[in-house]
C-alpha atoms as a PDB file:
ATOM      1  CA  MET A   1     -35.786  20.476  69.526  1.00  0.00           C
ATOM      2  CA  GLU A   2     -38.993  18.611  70.334  1.00  0.00           C
ATOM      3  CA  THR A   3     -39.767  17.826  73.967  1.00  0.00           C
ATOM      4  CA  MET A   4     -39.774  14.094  74.680  1.00  0.00           C
ATOM      5  CA  TYR A   5     -41.391  12.338  77.636  1.00  0.00           C
ATOM      6  CA  PHE A   6     -40.090   9.267  79.454  1.00  0.00           C
ATOM      7  CA  VAL A   7     -41.839   6.794  81.766  1.00  0.00           C
ATOM      8  CA  LEU A   8     -39.590   5.067  84.323  1.00  0.00           C
ATOM      9  CA  TRP A   9     -40.140   2.661  87.185  1.00  0.00           C
ATOM     10  CA  PHE A  10     -38.217   1.181  90.095  1.00  0.00           C
ATOM     11  CA  ILE A  11     -39.582  -1.855  91.911  1.00  0.00           C
ATOM     12  CA  HIS A  12     -38.454  -3.998  94.817  1.00  0.00           C
ATOM     13  CA  ASN A  13     -39.150  -7.729  94.687  1.00  0.00           C
ATOM     14  CA  LYS A  14     -39.808  -8.796  98.268  1.00  0.00           C
ATOM     15  CA  ASP A  15     -39.282 -12.511  97.575  1.00  0.00           C
ATOM     16  CA  ASN A  16     -35.665 -12.251  96.415  1.00  0.00           C
ATOM     17  CA  ASP A  17     -34.849  -8.782  97.885  1.00  0.00           C
ATOM     18  CA  GLU A  18     -33.864  -7.342  94.474  1.00  0.00           C
ATOM     19  CA  TRP A  19     -34.371  -3.896  92.982  1.00  0.00           C
ATOM     20  CA  ASN A  20     -35.110  -3.500  89.276  1.00  0.00           C
ATOM     21  CA  GLY A  21     -35.658  -0.405  87.188  1.00  0.00           C
ATOM     22  CA  SER A  22     -36.375   0.519  83.618  1.00  0.00           C
ATOM     23  CA  ILE A  23     -37.127   3.341  81.241  1.00  0.00           C
ATOM     24  CA  VAL A  24     -40.310   1.911  79.753  1.00  0.00           C
ATOM     25  CA  ASP A  25     -40.447   4.044  76.620  1.00  0.00           C
ATOM     26  CA  GLN A  26     -40.160   7.548  75.210  1.00  0.00           C
ATOM     27  CA  PHE A  27     -43.053   9.563  73.811  1.00  0.00           C
ATOM     28  CA  SER A  28     -43.424  12.744  71.784  1.00  0.00           C
ATOM     29  CA  SER A  29     -46.950  13.205  73.165  1.00  0.00           C
ATOM     30  CA  LEU A  30     -47.599  14.045  76.820  1.00  0.00           C
ATOM     31  CA  ASP A  31     -51.007  12.340  76.595  1.00  0.00           C
ATOM     32  CA  ALA A  32     -49.439   9.076  75.377  1.00  0.00           C
ATOM     33  CA  ALA A  33     -46.816   9.280  78.138  1.00  0.00           C
ATOM     34  CA  LYS A  34     -49.520   9.850  80.787  1.00  0.00           C
ATOM     35  CA  LYS A  35     -51.415   6.825  79.504  1.00  0.00           C
ATOM     36  CA  GLU A  36     -48.287   4.655  79.866  1.00  0.00           C
ATOM     37  CA  TYR A  37     -47.511   6.160  83.293  1.00  0.00           C
ATOM     38  CA  HIS A  38     -50.937   5.107  84.596  1.00  0.00           C
ATOM     39  CA  LYS A  39     -50.625   1.691  82.951  1.00  0.00           C
ATOM     40  CA  GLN A  40     -47.340   1.065  84.793  1.00  0.00           C
ATOM     41  CA  LEU A  41     -48.856   2.132  88.121  1.00  0.00           C
ATOM     42  CA  GLY A  42     -51.751  -0.250  87.562  1.00  0.00           C
ATOM     43  CA  MET A  43     -49.442  -3.144  86.745  1.00  0.00           C
ATOM     44  CA  TYR A  44     -47.186  -2.909  89.792  1.00  0.00           C
ATOM     45  CA  ILE A  45     -49.136  -1.356  92.673  1.00  0.00           C
ATOM     46  CA  ASP A  46     -50.593  -3.998  95.015  1.00  0.00           C
ATOM     47  CA  ASP A  47     -48.881  -6.848  93.171  1.00  0.00           C
ATOM     48  CA  PRO A  48     -48.048  -9.407  95.892  1.00  0.00           C
ATOM     49  CA  GLN A  49     -44.579  -9.948  94.406  1.00  0.00           C
ATOM     50  CA  PHE A  50     -43.499  -6.339  95.041  1.00  0.00           C
ATOM     51  CA  ASP A  51     -43.361  -4.338  98.265  1.00  0.00           C
ATOM     52  CA  SER A  52     -42.080  -1.027  96.876  1.00  0.00           C
ATOM     53  CA  VAL A  53     -42.969   0.665  93.590  1.00  0.00           C
ATOM     54  CA  ALA A  54     -41.959   4.066  92.181  1.00  0.00           C
ATOM     55  CA  VAL A  55     -43.184   5.269  88.785  1.00  0.00           C
ATOM     56  CA  MET A  56     -42.208   8.594  87.187  1.00  0.00           C
ATOM     57  CA  LEU A  57     -42.945  10.600  84.078  1.00  0.00           C
ATOM     58  CA  MET A  58     -40.137  12.988  83.140  1.00  0.00           C
ATOM     59  CA  ASP A  59     -39.502  15.264  80.195  1.00  0.00           C
ATOM     60  CA  SER A  60     -36.305  15.515  78.165  1.00  0.00           C
ATOM     61  CA  TYR A  61     -35.261  18.572  80.190  1.00  0.00           C
ATOM     62  CA  GLY A  62     -35.106  16.530  83.409  1.00  0.00           C
ATOM     63  CA  ASN A  63     -38.362  17.838  84.858  1.00  0.00           C
ATOM     64  CA  LYS A  64     -40.289  15.290  86.921  1.00  0.00           C
ATOM     65  CA  MET A  65     -43.858  15.836  85.758  1.00  0.00           C
ATOM     66  CA  PHE A  66     -45.631  13.042  87.641  1.00  0.00           C
ATOM     67  CA  ASN A  67     -44.458  10.533  90.199  1.00  0.00           C
ATOM     68  CA  ASP A  68     -46.018   8.114  92.604  1.00  0.00           C
ATOM     69  CA  TYR A  69     -44.634   5.824  95.275  1.00  0.00           C
ATOM     70  CA  TRP A  70     -46.391   2.872  96.882  1.00  0.00           C
ATOM     71  CA  THR A  71     -45.279   0.378  99.501  1.00  0.00           C
ATOM     72  CA  SER A  72     -46.937  -2.574 101.172  1.00  0.00           C
ATOM     73  CA  TYR A  73     -44.406  -2.419 103.987  1.00  0.00           C
ATOM     74  CA  VAL A  74     -46.026  -1.702 107.339  1.00  0.00           C
ATOM     75  CA  PRO A  75     -43.513  -1.187 110.147  1.00  0.00           C
ATOM     76  CA  GLU A  76     -44.007  -3.018 113.409  1.00  0.00           C
ATOM     77  CA  PRO A  77     -45.531  -0.725 116.018  1.00  0.00           C
ATOM     78  CA  THR A  78     -43.164   0.465 118.719  1.00  0.00           C
ATOM     79  CA  PRO A  79     -44.226  -0.987 122.064  1.00  0.00           C
ATOM     80  CA  GLU A  80     -45.312   1.545 124.664  1.00  0.00           C
ATOM     81  CA  PRO A  81     -43.003   1.763 127.677  1.00  0.00           C
ATOM     82  CA  ASN A  82     -44.393   0.381 130.917  1.00  0.00           C
ATOM     83  CA  VAL A  83     -44.991   3.583 132.817  1.00  0.00           C
ATOM     84  CA  GLY A  84     -45.176   3.326 136.611  1.00  0.00           C
ATOM     85  CA  GLU A  85     -43.715  -0.135 136.963  1.00  0.00           C
END
């Protein structure tokens, strides 16, 4: 059985607070799958519509070969306690 490669993504739309995900495509070539993996990262990372992006490249045996996660979310800093007051 030939090894197949799959590119997947999960994104969070910050405007309507919805998660979406998809298996983009399947590939018999690791090089073609890597090319699509990087294309998906380039499309979604730093897009003002999304605040959370995860892209993965997996093989047909369930091995996660590449993955990346990006978020634009920056938590509010925790205020320092007033010491000595």
